[in-house]
């Protein structure tokens, strides 16, 4: 029996949230620009998984937060290389 779309478990959202929980834990253990970028991308994907504006806004804020962390890594990592040329 197929359930209506709204009543089916939202496994995509659950998987992305679980992945981000694990990635954020790993980031706390050892910060990495790759982890920050992946977390940001996952929150951006979550925006497509929900219709409630408050929840979408929260995920958008989190996506921007992790994107900024990624950019901070890039600035500190690549800045000396750029200025030395």
N, C-alpha and C. Protein backbone atom coordinates (compact mmCIF):
# COMPACT_ATOMS: atom_id res chain seq x y z
N UNK A 1 0.84 -1.17 0.00
CA UNK A 1 0.00 0.00 0.00
C UNK A 1 0.89 1.24 0.00
N UNK A 2 0.65 2.13 -0.92
CA UNK A 2 1.40 3.38 -1.00
C UNK A 2 0.73 4.45 -0.16
N UNK A 3 1.52 5.08 0.67
CA UNK A 3 1.01 6.18 1.48
C UNK A 3 1.01 7.45 0.65
N UNK A 4 0.12 8.38 0.95
CA UNK A 4 0.20 9.67 0.26
C UNK A 4 1.57 10.30 0.52
N UNK A 5 2.02 11.12 -0.40
CA UNK A 5 3.36 11.70 -0.33
C UNK A 5 3.62 12.40 1.00
N UNK A 6 2.66 13.12 1.53
CA UNK A 6 2.86 13.88 2.76
C UNK A 6 3.03 12.97 3.98
N UNK A 7 2.53 11.75 3.93
CA UNK A 7 2.60 10.87 5.09
C UNK A 7 3.77 9.90 5.03
N UNK A 8 4.48 9.86 3.91
CA UNK A 8 5.64 8.98 3.81
C UNK A 8 6.77 9.54 4.67
N UNK A 9 7.57 8.66 5.24
CA UNK A 9 8.71 9.15 6.02
C UNK A 9 9.65 9.98 5.15
N UNK A 10 10.13 11.06 5.70
CA UNK A 10 11.02 11.94 4.94
C UNK A 10 12.46 11.51 5.17
N UNK A 11 12.85 10.42 4.55
CA UNK A 11 14.16 9.84 4.79
C UNK A 11 15.29 10.70 4.25
N UNK A 12 15.05 11.46 3.21
CA UNK A 12 16.10 12.32 2.67
C UNK A 12 16.50 13.38 3.69
N UNK A 13 15.50 14.01 4.27
CA UNK A 13 15.76 15.03 5.29
C UNK A 13 16.46 14.41 6.48
N UNK A 14 15.98 13.26 6.92
CA UNK A 14 16.58 12.58 8.07
C UNK A 14 18.04 12.20 7.80
N UNK A 15 18.32 11.73 6.59
CA UNK A 15 19.69 11.36 6.24
C UNK A 15 20.61 12.58 6.23
N UNK A 16 20.14 13.67 5.66
CA UNK A 16 20.96 14.88 5.63
C UNK A 16 21.22 15.42 7.03
N UNK A 17 20.19 15.39 7.87
CA UNK A 17 20.37 15.86 9.24
C UNK A 17 21.34 14.97 10.02
N UNK A 18 21.22 13.66 9.85
CA UNK A 18 22.13 12.73 10.52
C UNK A 18 23.55 12.92 10.01
N UNK A 19 23.70 13.10 8.71
CA UNK A 19 25.02 13.32 8.13
C UNK A 19 25.65 14.59 8.69
N UNK A 20 24.87 15.66 8.76
CA UNK A 20 25.40 16.91 9.29
C UNK A 20 25.76 16.79 10.76
N UNK A 21 25.00 16.06 11.51
CA UNK A 21 25.32 15.86 12.92
C UNK A 21 26.70 15.19 13.04
N UNK A 22 26.92 14.17 12.24
CA UNK A 22 28.21 13.47 12.26
C UNK A 22 29.34 14.37 11.75
N UNK A 23 29.09 15.10 10.68
CA UNK A 23 30.11 15.98 10.12
C UNK A 23 30.47 17.10 11.09
N UNK A 24 29.47 17.65 11.77
CA UNK A 24 29.74 18.71 12.74
C UNK A 24 30.56 18.17 13.91
N UNK A 25 30.30 16.95 14.32
CA UNK A 25 31.10 16.32 15.38
C UNK A 25 32.55 16.15 14.91
N UNK A 26 32.72 15.67 13.69
CA UNK A 26 34.06 15.50 13.14
C UNK A 26 34.78 16.85 13.02
N UNK A 27 34.03 17.89 12.65
CA UNK A 27 34.61 19.22 12.52
C UNK A 27 35.11 19.72 13.88
N UNK A 28 34.36 19.43 14.94
CA UNK A 28 34.80 19.83 16.28
C UNK A 28 36.09 19.13 16.66
N UNK A 29 36.25 17.88 16.24
CA UNK A 29 37.45 17.12 16.55
C UNK A 29 38.66 17.62 15.75
N UNK A 30 38.42 17.91 14.48
CA UNK A 30 39.50 18.35 13.59
C UNK A 30 38.91 19.24 12.49
N UNK A 31 38.93 20.55 12.70
CA UNK A 31 38.35 21.46 11.70
C UNK A 31 38.99 21.28 10.32
N UNK A 32 38.15 21.34 9.31
CA UNK A 32 38.61 21.14 7.94
C UNK A 32 37.72 21.96 7.00
N UNK A 33 38.31 22.60 6.00
CA UNK A 33 37.48 23.34 5.05
C UNK A 33 36.55 22.42 4.26
N UNK A 34 36.98 21.20 4.00
CA UNK A 34 36.14 20.25 3.26
C UNK A 34 34.89 19.90 4.06
N UNK A 35 35.05 19.70 5.36
CA UNK A 35 33.89 19.40 6.20
C UNK A 35 32.95 20.59 6.26
N UNK A 36 33.50 21.80 6.42
CA UNK A 36 32.65 22.99 6.48
C UNK A 36 31.86 23.15 5.18
N UNK A 37 32.52 22.91 4.06
CA UNK A 37 31.84 23.03 2.77
C UNK A 37 30.74 21.99 2.63
N UNK A 38 31.00 20.75 3.03
CA UNK A 38 29.99 19.70 2.91
C UNK A 38 28.80 19.98 3.82
N UNK A 39 29.06 20.46 5.02
CA UNK A 39 27.97 20.79 5.94
C UNK A 39 27.12 21.90 5.34
N UNK A 40 27.76 22.92 4.80
CA UNK A 40 27.03 24.02 4.17
C UNK A 40 26.17 23.51 3.02
N UNK A 41 26.73 22.66 2.19
CA UNK A 41 25.97 22.11 1.06
C UNK A 41 24.78 21.27 1.52
N UNK A 42 24.99 20.50 2.58
CA UNK A 42 23.88 19.68 3.09
C UNK A 42 22.74 20.54 3.61
N UNK A 43 23.08 21.62 4.32
CA UNK A 43 22.01 22.51 4.78
C UNK A 43 21.31 23.18 3.60
N UNK A 44 22.06 23.48 2.55
CA UNK A 44 21.45 24.06 1.35
C UNK A 44 20.50 23.05 0.71
N UNK A 45 20.88 21.78 0.68
CA UNK A 45 20.00 20.74 0.15
C UNK A 45 18.73 20.59 1.01
N UNK A 46 18.88 20.78 2.31
CA UNK A 46 17.72 20.66 3.20
C UNK A 46 16.66 21.71 2.88
N UNK A 47 17.06 22.82 2.30
CA UNK A 47 16.09 23.86 1.93
C UNK A 47 15.05 23.32 0.96
N UNK A 48 15.42 22.31 0.18
CA UNK A 48 14.48 21.74 -0.79
C UNK A 48 13.60 20.66 -0.16
N UNK A 49 13.86 20.31 1.10
CA UNK A 49 13.16 19.21 1.73
C UNK A 49 12.03 19.63 2.67
N UNK A 50 11.78 20.92 2.79
CA UNK A 50 10.77 21.36 3.74
C UNK A 50 10.07 22.60 3.21
N UNK A 51 8.82 22.77 3.59
CA UNK A 51 8.04 23.91 3.12
C UNK A 51 7.82 24.98 4.19
N UNK A 52 8.11 24.68 5.44
CA UNK A 52 7.87 25.65 6.51
C UNK A 52 8.94 26.75 6.48
N UNK A 53 8.52 28.01 6.34
CA UNK A 53 9.48 29.11 6.22
C UNK A 53 10.44 29.24 7.41
N UNK A 54 9.97 29.00 8.61
CA UNK A 54 10.83 29.14 9.79
C UNK A 54 11.97 28.11 9.75
N UNK A 55 11.64 26.89 9.38
CA UNK A 55 12.65 25.83 9.30
C UNK A 55 13.60 26.12 8.15
N UNK A 56 13.07 26.54 7.01
CA UNK A 56 13.92 26.86 5.86
C UNK A 56 14.88 28.01 6.21
N UNK A 57 14.38 28.98 6.95
CA UNK A 57 15.22 30.11 7.33
C UNK A 57 16.36 29.65 8.25
N UNK A 58 16.06 28.75 9.17
CA UNK A 58 17.08 28.20 10.07
C UNK A 58 18.17 27.48 9.28
N UNK A 59 17.76 26.66 8.31
CA UNK A 59 18.74 25.93 7.50
C UNK A 59 19.55 26.88 6.62
N UNK A 60 18.92 27.95 6.17
CA UNK A 60 19.64 28.93 5.36
C UNK A 60 20.71 29.63 6.21
N UNK A 61 20.35 29.97 7.44
CA UNK A 61 21.31 30.60 8.35
C UNK A 61 22.48 29.65 8.62
N UNK A 62 22.16 28.38 8.87
CA UNK A 62 23.22 27.40 9.13
C UNK A 62 24.11 27.19 7.90
N UNK A 63 23.50 27.17 6.72
CA UNK A 63 24.28 27.02 5.50
C UNK A 63 25.26 28.19 5.33
N UNK A 64 24.78 29.40 5.57
CA UNK A 64 25.65 30.58 5.47
C UNK A 64 26.75 30.54 6.52
N UNK A 65 26.41 30.11 7.72
CA UNK A 65 27.39 30.01 8.79
C UNK A 65 28.54 29.09 8.39
N UNK A 66 28.21 27.91 7.88
CA UNK A 66 29.25 26.94 7.50
C UNK A 66 30.00 27.40 6.26
N UNK A 67 29.32 28.11 5.37
CA UNK A 67 29.99 28.66 4.19
C UNK A 67 31.04 29.69 4.64
N UNK A 68 30.71 30.50 5.64
CA UNK A 68 31.66 31.48 6.16
C UNK A 68 32.86 30.79 6.80
N UNK A 69 32.63 29.70 7.49
CA UNK A 69 33.76 28.94 8.06
C UNK A 69 34.66 28.41 6.95
N UNK A 70 34.05 27.90 5.89
CA UNK A 70 34.82 27.43 4.75
C UNK A 70 35.65 28.57 4.16
N UNK A 71 35.05 29.74 3.97
CA UNK A 71 35.74 30.89 3.40
C UNK A 71 36.88 31.37 4.30
N UNK A 72 36.70 31.28 5.61
CA UNK A 72 37.76 31.66 6.54
C UNK A 72 38.97 30.76 6.35
N UNK A 73 38.75 29.47 6.18
CA UNK A 73 39.85 28.55 5.91
C UNK A 73 40.56 28.93 4.62
N UNK A 74 39.80 29.22 3.61
CA UNK A 74 40.39 29.56 2.31
C UNK A 74 41.24 30.81 2.41
N UNK A 75 40.76 31.81 3.15
CA UNK A 75 41.51 33.06 3.28
C UNK A 75 42.82 32.84 4.03
N UNK A 76 42.78 32.06 5.11
CA UNK A 76 43.99 31.84 5.89
C UNK A 76 44.94 30.87 5.18
N UNK A 77 44.42 29.97 4.39
CA UNK A 77 45.25 28.98 3.71
C UNK A 77 45.89 29.56 2.44
N UNK A 78 45.10 30.27 1.65
CA UNK A 78 45.58 30.71 0.35
C UNK A 78 46.12 32.14 0.33
N UNK A 79 45.84 32.92 1.34
CA UNK A 79 46.29 34.30 1.36
C UNK A 79 47.80 34.44 1.23
N UNK A 80 48.61 33.69 2.00
CA UNK A 80 50.05 33.82 1.84
C UNK A 80 50.54 33.44 0.44
N UNK A 81 49.89 32.47 -0.17
CA UNK A 81 50.29 32.06 -1.52
C UNK A 81 50.02 33.17 -2.53
N UNK A 82 48.91 33.85 -2.37
CA UNK A 82 48.54 34.91 -3.30
C UNK A 82 49.47 36.11 -3.14
N UNK A 83 49.76 36.49 -1.90
CA UNK A 83 50.56 37.68 -1.67
C UNK A 83 52.05 37.46 -1.97
N UNK A 84 52.50 36.22 -2.03
CA UNK A 84 53.91 35.95 -2.28
C UNK A 84 54.27 36.01 -3.76
N UNK A 85 53.27 36.09 -4.65
CA UNK A 85 53.55 36.11 -6.09
C UNK A 85 53.63 37.50 -6.61
